[in-house]
Structures are given as structure tokens and as C-alpha cells.
């Protein structure tokens, strides 16, 4: 995923698009971590139920 360097001075519309892209990537990363935690907790819960 290409990350623009801060030295680049894109036009304002381009900068806005970069901010949205970075925000989306950050949100997807957090959702991925959250999903992993939820899956792990569900797995442990089912293991505990099966004992």
C-alpha cells in the first residue's frame, strides 16, 4: 500500500483523498485486530463449554 511522504505537497483534493485512505486503512487494521480478539474469545468459550 503506497504511503505518501510528508515532503510531497499534493493539491488539497489529493491530500483529502490520502487522509481518507489512511483513515480507512487504520480503521480496517483496528477492525482486523478486534475480529481476531473476538474469534479467540469465542474459540476459548467453546472450548470451555466442551469441557
Protein backbone atom coordinates (compact mmCIF):
# COMPACT_ATOMS: atom_id res chain seq x y z
CA UNK A 1 0.00 0.00 0.00
CA UNK A 2 1.66 3.24 -1.13
CA UNK A 3 2.12 5.77 1.64
CA UNK A 4 2.70 9.36 0.53
CA UNK A 5 5.74 11.03 2.02
CA UNK A 6 5.09 14.17 4.05
CA UNK A 7 7.53 16.05 1.76
CA UNK A 8 5.07 15.61 -1.13
CA UNK A 9 2.74 18.59 -1.39
CA UNK A 10 -0.28 17.32 -3.30
CA UNK A 11 -3.25 19.51 -4.18
CA UNK A 12 -5.87 19.82 -1.43
CA UNK A 13 -8.26 17.32 -3.05
CA UNK A 14 -5.45 14.76 -3.34
CA UNK A 15 -4.46 15.38 0.29
CA UNK A 16 -8.06 14.81 1.38
CA UNK A 17 -8.13 11.52 -0.55
CA UNK A 18 -4.88 10.46 1.15
CA UNK A 19 -6.34 11.29 4.57
CA UNK A 20 -9.47 9.24 3.80
CA UNK A 21 -7.30 6.36 2.51
CA UNK A 22 -5.13 6.42 5.65
CA UNK A 23 -8.21 6.62 7.89
CA UNK A 24 -9.77 3.63 6.06
CA UNK A 25 -6.57 1.61 6.34
CA UNK A 26 -6.32 2.46 10.07
CA UNK A 27 -9.96 1.51 10.66
CA UNK A 28 -9.52 -1.77 8.76
CA UNK A 29 -6.45 -2.56 10.85
CA UNK A 30 -8.35 -1.93 14.10
CA UNK A 31 -11.33 -3.99 12.87
CA UNK A 32 -8.96 -6.82 11.98
CA UNK A 33 -7.47 -6.80 15.48
CA UNK A 34 -10.95 -6.64 17.03
CA UNK A 35 -12.19 -9.53 14.87
CA UNK A 36 -9.14 -11.61 15.86
CA UNK A 37 -9.78 -10.96 19.57
CA UNK A 38 -13.47 -11.81 19.22
CA UNK A 39 -12.68 -15.03 17.34
CA UNK A 40 -10.13 -16.02 20.00
CA UNK A 41 -12.60 -15.35 22.81
CA UNK A 42 -15.34 -17.31 21.04
CA UNK A 43 -12.91 -20.21 20.49
CA UNK A 44 -11.94 -20.24 24.18
CA UNK A 45 -15.61 -20.04 25.19
CA UNK A 46 -16.49 -23.07 23.03
CA UNK A 47 -13.50 -24.97 24.46
CA UNK A 48 -14.71 -24.14 27.98
CA UNK A 49 -18.24 -25.33 27.09
CA UNK A 50 -16.92 -28.62 25.74
CA UNK A 51 -15.06 -29.49 28.95
